[in-house]
Amino acid sequence: DRGLVRVGIADNDKTQYTKILIDNLKDKCRILELEESEIQGQLINAKIDYAISIDKDFTKELLAMKDVQV
């Protein structure tokens, strides 16, 4: 765990797909699951190196072949 990049994730979609996505990232980084409102403070206080926000309906839009971003 030492030396891994610390990534805060706010999962606003909370689907099986986003859970799988987060689980796959755990192999490559140290993941902290956060609320959207916590991200800025965590970044400012150097508790995380990066933040990812997954919007509500991310999975639905992805499956509908829409252009989605995190």
C-alpha atoms as a PDB file:
ATOM      1  CA  ASP A   1       0.000   0.000   0.000  1.00  0.00           C
ATOM      2  CA  ARG A   2       2.964   2.233   0.600  1.00  0.00           C
ATOM      3  CA  GLY A   3       3.821   4.460  -2.318  1.00  0.00           C
ATOM      4  CA  LEU A   4       0.523   3.917  -4.074  1.00  0.00           C
ATOM      5  CA  VAL A   5      -1.318   6.939  -5.393  1.00  0.00           C
ATOM      6  CA  ARG A   6      -4.215   7.879  -3.090  1.00  0.00           C
ATOM      7  CA  VAL A   7      -7.453   8.393  -5.009  1.00  0.00           C
ATOM      8  CA  GLY A   8     -10.665   9.680  -3.494  1.00  0.00           C
ATOM      9  CA  ILE A   9     -13.803   8.506  -5.249  1.00  0.00           C
ATOM     10  CA  ALA A  10     -17.266   9.985  -4.904  1.00  0.00           C
ATOM     11  CA  ASP A  11     -19.611   7.390  -6.425  1.00  0.00           C
ATOM     12  CA  ASN A  12     -22.904   9.190  -6.985  1.00  0.00           C
ATOM     13  CA  ASP A  13     -24.217   6.395  -9.233  1.00  0.00           C
ATOM     14  CA  LYS A  14     -23.707   3.440  -6.871  1.00  0.00           C
ATOM     15  CA  THR A  15     -24.345   0.656  -9.378  1.00  0.00           C
ATOM     16  CA  GLN A  16     -22.794  -2.774  -9.743  1.00  0.00           C
ATOM     17  CA  TYR A  17     -20.755  -1.409 -12.663  1.00  0.00           C
ATOM     18  CA  THR A  18     -19.262   1.461 -10.659  1.00  0.00           C
ATOM     19  CA  LYS A  19     -18.492  -0.974  -7.815  1.00  0.00           C
ATOM     20  CA  ILE A  20     -16.563  -3.177 -10.273  1.00  0.00           C
ATOM     21  CA  LEU A  21     -14.766  -0.103 -11.627  1.00  0.00           C
ATOM     22  CA  ILE A  22     -13.726   0.942  -8.114  1.00  0.00           C
ATOM     23  CA  ASP A  23     -12.669  -2.605  -7.198  1.00  0.00           C
ATOM     24  CA  ASN A  24     -10.446  -2.751 -10.301  1.00  0.00           C
ATOM     25  CA  LEU A  25      -8.804   0.541  -9.336  1.00  0.00           C
ATOM     26  CA  LYS A  26      -7.998  -0.877  -5.885  1.00  0.00           C
ATOM     27  CA  ASP A  27      -5.377  -3.103  -7.554  1.00  0.00           C
ATOM     28  CA  LYS A  28      -3.536  -0.022  -8.820  1.00  0.00           C
ATOM     29  CA  CYS A  29      -4.139   2.711  -6.210  1.00  0.00           C
ATOM     30  CA  ARG A  30      -5.167   3.285  -2.650  1.00  0.00           C
ATOM     31  CA  ILE A  31      -8.881   4.110  -2.796  1.00  0.00           C
ATOM     32  CA  LEU A  32     -10.797   6.220  -0.298  1.00  0.00           C
ATOM     33  CA  GLU A  33     -14.533   6.304  -0.892  1.00  0.00           C
ATOM     34  CA  LEU A  34     -15.781   9.822  -0.150  1.00  0.00           C
ATOM     35  CA  GLU A  35     -18.803  12.023  -0.406  1.00  0.00           C
ATOM     36  CA  GLU A  36     -18.626  14.760  -3.044  1.00  0.00           C
ATOM     37  CA  SER A  37     -18.500  17.395  -0.292  1.00  0.00           C
ATOM     38  CA  GLU A  38     -15.350  15.836   1.218  1.00  0.00           C
ATOM     39  CA  ILE A  39     -13.179  15.950  -1.909  1.00  0.00           C
ATOM     40  CA  GLN A  40     -11.908  19.520  -1.678  1.00  0.00           C
ATOM     41  CA  GLY A  41     -10.867  19.205   1.974  1.00  0.00           C
ATOM     42  CA  GLN A  42      -9.143  15.873   1.340  1.00  0.00           C
ATOM     43  CA  LEU A  43      -7.172  17.393  -1.551  1.00  0.00           C
ATOM     44  CA  ILE A  44      -6.256  20.548   0.396  1.00  0.00           C
ATOM     45  CA  ASN A  45      -5.076  18.502   3.390  1.00  0.00           C
ATOM     46  CA  ALA A  46      -3.078  16.143   1.122  1.00  0.00           C
ATOM     47  CA  LYS A  47      -5.083  13.103   2.252  1.00  0.00           C
ATOM     48  CA  ILE A  48      -5.602  12.160  -1.411  1.00  0.00           C
ATOM     49  CA  ASP A  49      -3.554  12.804  -4.543  1.00  0.00           C
ATOM     50  CA  TYR A  50      -6.433  12.696  -7.033  1.00  0.00           C
ATOM     51  CA  ALA A  51     -10.220  12.696  -6.944  1.00  0.00           C
ATOM     52  CA  ILE A  52     -12.755  10.998  -9.168  1.00  0.00           C
ATOM     53  CA  SER A  53     -16.421  11.910  -9.186  1.00  0.00           C
ATOM     54  CA  ILE A  54     -18.835   9.464 -10.792  1.00  0.00           C
ATOM     55  CA  ASP A  55     -22.079  11.233 -11.675  1.00  0.00           C
ATOM     56  CA  LYS A  56     -25.523   9.814 -10.985  1.00  0.00           C
ATOM     57  CA  ASP A  57     -26.809   7.910 -14.055  1.00  0.00           C
ATOM     58  CA  PHE A  58     -23.225   7.297 -15.264  1.00  0.00           C
ATOM     59  CA  THR A  59     -23.941   3.600 -15.884  1.00  0.00           C
ATOM     60  CA  LYS A  60     -27.293   4.256 -17.590  1.00  0.00           C
ATOM     61  CA  GLU A  61     -25.718   6.793 -19.958  1.00  0.00           C
ATOM     62  CA  LEU A  62     -22.724   4.539 -20.628  1.00  0.00           C
ATOM     63  CA  LEU A  63     -25.025   1.661 -21.577  1.00  0.00           C
ATOM     64  CA  ALA A  64     -26.998   4.035 -23.813  1.00  0.00           C
ATOM     65  CA  MET A  65     -23.683   4.714 -25.655  1.00  0.00           C
ATOM     66  CA  LYS A  66     -23.633   8.354 -24.586  1.00  0.00           C
ATOM     67  CA  ASP A  67     -20.381  10.228 -24.107  1.00  0.00           C
ATOM     68  CA  VAL A  68     -19.731   9.984 -20.358  1.00  0.00           C
ATOM     69  CA  GLN A  69     -16.918  11.321 -18.231  1.00  0.00           C
ATOM     70  CA  VAL A  70     -15.684  10.841 -14.679  1.00  0.00           C
END
